[in-house]
N, C-alpha and C. Protein backbone atom coordinates (compact mmCIF):
# COMPACT_ATOMS: atom_id res chain seq x y z
N UNK A 1 -17.49 -11.93 3.69
CA UNK A 1 -16.89 -10.65 3.37
C UNK A 1 -16.81 -9.83 4.66
N UNK A 2 -15.73 -9.11 4.83
CA UNK A 2 -15.52 -8.32 6.03
C UNK A 2 -16.10 -6.92 5.91
N UNK A 3 -15.71 -6.08 6.82
CA UNK A 3 -16.13 -4.68 6.82
C UNK A 3 -15.60 -4.02 5.57
N UNK A 4 -16.45 -3.31 4.84
CA UNK A 4 -16.08 -2.62 3.60
C UNK A 4 -15.42 -3.57 2.61
N UNK A 5 -15.81 -4.84 2.64
CA UNK A 5 -15.26 -5.81 1.70
C UNK A 5 -13.89 -6.34 2.06
N UNK A 6 -13.36 -5.96 3.23
CA UNK A 6 -12.02 -6.40 3.62
C UNK A 6 -12.03 -7.87 4.02
N UNK A 7 -11.11 -8.64 3.47
CA UNK A 7 -10.95 -10.04 3.86
C UNK A 7 -9.63 -10.26 4.59
N UNK A 8 -8.71 -9.29 4.48
CA UNK A 8 -7.43 -9.34 5.19
C UNK A 8 -6.90 -7.92 5.28
N UNK A 9 -6.25 -7.60 6.40
CA UNK A 9 -5.68 -6.27 6.55
C UNK A 9 -4.45 -6.34 7.46
N UNK A 10 -3.41 -5.59 7.10
CA UNK A 10 -2.26 -5.45 7.98
C UNK A 10 -1.83 -3.99 7.96
N UNK A 11 -1.06 -3.61 8.97
CA UNK A 11 -0.69 -2.21 9.13
C UNK A 11 0.78 -2.09 9.46
N UNK A 12 1.42 -1.07 8.90
CA UNK A 12 2.82 -0.78 9.17
C UNK A 12 2.92 0.68 9.60
N UNK A 13 3.40 0.91 10.82
CA UNK A 13 3.63 2.27 11.29
C UNK A 13 5.10 2.58 11.06
N UNK A 14 5.36 3.66 10.31
CA UNK A 14 6.73 4.05 9.95
C UNK A 14 6.87 5.55 10.17
N UNK A 15 7.37 5.92 11.33
CA UNK A 15 7.51 7.34 11.65
C UNK A 15 6.15 8.01 11.72
N UNK A 16 6.00 9.09 10.94
CA UNK A 16 4.73 9.83 10.97
C UNK A 16 3.73 9.32 9.93
N UNK A 17 4.04 8.21 9.30
CA UNK A 17 3.16 7.63 8.29
C UNK A 17 2.68 6.25 8.75
N UNK A 18 1.50 5.90 8.31
CA UNK A 18 0.98 4.56 8.52
C UNK A 18 0.56 4.01 7.18
N UNK A 19 0.96 2.79 6.91
CA UNK A 19 0.60 2.11 5.66
C UNK A 19 -0.36 0.97 5.99
N UNK A 20 -1.42 0.86 5.22
CA UNK A 20 -2.39 -0.21 5.37
C UNK A 20 -2.36 -1.06 4.11
N UNK A 21 -2.30 -2.37 4.28
CA UNK A 21 -2.32 -3.31 3.18
C UNK A 21 -3.61 -4.12 3.33
N UNK A 22 -4.60 -3.78 2.51
CA UNK A 22 -5.92 -4.37 2.64
C UNK A 22 -6.25 -5.22 1.42
N UNK A 23 -6.60 -6.48 1.66
CA UNK A 23 -7.13 -7.32 0.59
C UNK A 23 -8.65 -7.22 0.72
N UNK A 24 -9.27 -6.83 -0.38
CA UNK A 24 -10.72 -6.63 -0.38
C UNK A 24 -11.37 -7.46 -1.47
N UNK A 25 -12.67 -7.60 -1.34
CA UNK A 25 -13.45 -8.31 -2.33
C UNK A 25 -14.56 -7.37 -2.81
N UNK A 26 -14.67 -7.22 -4.14
CA UNK A 26 -15.74 -6.36 -4.65
C UNK A 26 -17.04 -7.15 -4.75
N UNK A 27 -18.10 -6.49 -5.19
CA UNK A 27 -19.42 -7.12 -5.23
C UNK A 27 -19.48 -8.30 -6.20
N UNK A 28 -18.52 -8.40 -7.11
CA UNK A 28 -18.47 -9.50 -8.07
C UNK A 28 -17.62 -10.67 -7.58
N UNK A 29 -17.04 -10.54 -6.38
CA UNK A 29 -16.20 -11.60 -5.83
C UNK A 29 -14.74 -11.51 -6.22
N UNK A 30 -14.35 -10.45 -6.94
CA UNK A 30 -12.96 -10.26 -7.34
C UNK A 30 -12.15 -9.74 -6.17
N UNK A 31 -10.96 -10.31 -5.95
CA UNK A 31 -10.07 -9.83 -4.90
C UNK A 31 -9.13 -8.78 -5.46
N UNK A 32 -8.80 -7.80 -4.63
CA UNK A 32 -7.83 -6.78 -5.01
C UNK A 32 -7.09 -6.30 -3.79
N UNK A 33 -5.90 -5.75 -4.04
CA UNK A 33 -5.06 -5.19 -2.98
C UNK A 33 -5.24 -3.68 -2.98
N UNK A 34 -5.53 -3.13 -1.82
CA UNK A 34 -5.66 -1.69 -1.65
C UNK A 34 -4.56 -1.27 -0.67
N UNK A 35 -3.61 -0.47 -1.16
CA UNK A 35 -2.52 0.02 -0.31
C UNK A 35 -2.81 1.48 -0.01
N UNK A 36 -2.86 1.81 1.28
CA UNK A 36 -3.21 3.16 1.71
C UNK A 36 -2.08 3.72 2.57
N UNK A 37 -1.71 4.97 2.28
CA UNK A 37 -0.76 5.69 3.13
C UNK A 37 -1.55 6.78 3.84
N UNK A 38 -1.38 6.88 5.14
CA UNK A 38 -2.06 7.89 5.94
C UNK A 38 -1.02 8.68 6.71
N UNK A 39 -1.13 10.01 6.65
CA UNK A 39 -0.17 10.88 7.32
C UNK A 39 -0.92 12.06 7.91
N UNK A 40 -0.60 12.38 9.15
CA UNK A 40 -1.24 13.51 9.80
C UNK A 40 -0.85 14.83 9.15
N UNK A 41 -1.79 15.76 9.12
CA UNK A 41 -1.54 17.09 8.58
C UNK A 41 -0.74 17.88 9.60
N UNK A 42 0.27 18.61 9.14
CA UNK A 42 1.10 19.41 10.04
C UNK A 42 0.25 20.45 10.74
N UNK A 43 0.64 20.79 11.95
CA UNK A 43 -0.07 21.80 12.72
C UNK A 43 -0.86 21.22 13.87
N UNK A 44 -0.73 19.92 14.08
CA UNK A 44 -1.35 19.30 15.24
C UNK A 44 -2.84 19.08 15.15
N UNK A 45 -3.45 19.23 14.00
CA UNK A 45 -4.88 18.99 13.90
C UNK A 45 -5.15 17.49 13.84
N UNK A 46 -6.40 17.12 13.91
CA UNK A 46 -6.78 15.71 13.84
C UNK A 46 -7.08 15.27 12.41
N UNK A 47 -6.61 16.03 11.42
CA UNK A 47 -6.86 15.70 10.03
C UNK A 47 -5.72 14.87 9.46
N UNK A 48 -6.06 14.02 8.52
CA UNK A 48 -5.09 13.15 7.89
C UNK A 48 -5.19 13.24 6.38
N UNK A 49 -4.05 13.06 5.73
CA UNK A 49 -4.01 12.94 4.27
C UNK A 49 -3.92 11.45 3.98
N UNK A 50 -4.82 10.96 3.14
CA UNK A 50 -4.82 9.54 2.78
C UNK A 50 -4.66 9.42 1.27
N UNK A 51 -3.75 8.55 0.87
CA UNK A 51 -3.54 8.27 -0.55
C UNK A 51 -3.63 6.77 -0.73
N UNK A 52 -4.17 6.36 -1.86
CA UNK A 52 -4.47 4.96 -2.04
C UNK A 52 -4.20 4.51 -3.46
N UNK A 53 -3.76 3.25 -3.60
CA UNK A 53 -3.70 2.62 -4.92
C UNK A 53 -4.41 1.26 -4.81
N UNK A 54 -4.96 0.84 -5.93
CA UNK A 54 -5.66 -0.43 -6.00
C UNK A 54 -5.00 -1.28 -7.08
N UNK A 55 -4.70 -2.54 -6.75
CA UNK A 55 -4.13 -3.48 -7.71
C UNK A 55 -5.01 -4.72 -7.70
N UNK A 56 -5.59 -5.02 -8.85
CA UNK A 56 -6.48 -6.18 -8.94
C UNK A 56 -5.68 -7.48 -9.03
N UNK A 57 -6.32 -8.55 -8.58
CA UNK A 57 -5.70 -9.86 -8.47
C UNK A 57 -5.01 -10.28 -9.75
N UNK A 58 -5.63 -10.06 -10.89
CA UNK A 58 -5.04 -10.50 -12.15
C UNK A 58 -3.79 -9.70 -12.53
N UNK A 59 -3.57 -8.55 -11.90
CA UNK A 59 -2.40 -7.72 -12.20
C UNK A 59 -1.28 -7.86 -11.17
N UNK A 60 -1.51 -8.61 -10.11
CA UNK A 60 -0.54 -8.66 -9.01
C UNK A 60 0.82 -9.21 -9.43
N UNK A 61 0.86 -10.22 -10.27
CA UNK A 61 2.14 -10.80 -10.69
C UNK A 61 3.02 -9.77 -11.38
N UNK A 62 2.48 -9.08 -12.35
CA UNK A 62 3.23 -8.04 -13.06
C UNK A 62 3.55 -6.86 -12.15
N UNK A 63 2.60 -6.51 -11.27
CA UNK A 63 2.83 -5.42 -10.32
C UNK A 63 4.03 -5.74 -9.43
N UNK A 64 4.06 -6.96 -8.89
CA UNK A 64 5.16 -7.37 -8.01
C UNK A 64 6.48 -7.36 -8.78
N UNK A 65 6.47 -7.82 -10.02
CA UNK A 65 7.69 -7.85 -10.84
C UNK A 65 8.24 -6.43 -11.02
N UNK A 66 7.39 -5.48 -11.37
CA UNK A 66 7.83 -4.10 -11.58
C UNK A 66 8.22 -3.43 -10.26
N UNK A 67 7.50 -3.75 -9.20
CA UNK A 67 7.83 -3.24 -7.87
C UNK A 67 9.22 -3.72 -7.46
N UNK A 68 9.51 -4.99 -7.72
CA UNK A 68 10.82 -5.55 -7.38
C UNK A 68 11.93 -4.86 -8.16
N UNK A 69 11.68 -4.55 -9.44
CA UNK A 69 12.66 -3.81 -10.23
C UNK A 69 12.98 -2.47 -9.57
N UNK A 70 11.96 -1.81 -9.07
CA UNK A 70 12.16 -0.51 -8.39
C UNK A 70 12.98 -0.69 -7.12
N UNK A 71 12.68 -1.73 -6.35
CA UNK A 71 13.44 -2.00 -5.12
C UNK A 71 14.90 -2.31 -5.44
N UNK A 72 15.12 -3.11 -6.49
CA UNK A 72 16.49 -3.44 -6.89
C UNK A 72 17.26 -2.18 -7.29
N UNK A 73 16.60 -1.27 -8.01
CA UNK A 73 17.24 -0.02 -8.41
C UNK A 73 17.62 0.81 -7.19
N UNK A 74 16.72 0.89 -6.22
CA UNK A 74 17.01 1.65 -5.00
C UNK A 74 18.20 1.03 -4.26
N UNK A 75 18.22 -0.29 -4.15
CA UNK A 75 19.33 -0.97 -3.48
C UNK A 75 20.65 -0.70 -4.18
N UNK A 76 20.66 -0.77 -5.52
CA UNK A 76 21.87 -0.52 -6.28
C UNK A 76 22.32 0.93 -6.13
N UNK A 77 21.40 1.86 -6.15
CA UNK A 77 21.74 3.27 -6.00
C UNK A 77 22.28 3.55 -4.61
N UNK A 78 21.72 2.91 -3.61
CA UNK A 78 22.17 3.11 -2.24
C UNK A 78 23.58 2.61 -2.05
N UNK A 79 23.93 1.46 -2.63
CA UNK A 79 25.29 0.93 -2.48
C UNK A 79 26.31 1.77 -3.22
N UNK A 80 25.90 2.44 -4.30
CA UNK A 80 26.82 3.30 -5.03
C UNK A 80 27.16 4.57 -4.25
N UNK A 81 26.20 5.05 -3.44
CA UNK A 81 26.43 6.30 -2.71
C UNK A 81 27.09 6.07 -1.36
N UNK A 82 27.21 4.83 -0.93
CA UNK A 82 27.81 4.55 0.38
C UNK A 82 29.26 4.26 0.28
């Protein structure tokens, strides 16, 4: 087990936001995906706003399916407005 239960981590920097995709293991050995968005607070301070969602391994298939539906909707809406 890694630091804070992390077994895999990747990062995406997108403008003023950073997204972290962390696969973690809880004390029972269950794997889960923790997606974190971090954004600096306006005003130049060193403070950040962090928001997080957790998706457990047994829910990933359905999560991905619904996530894909959302992406498809965005793609369709974008082509209609262009």
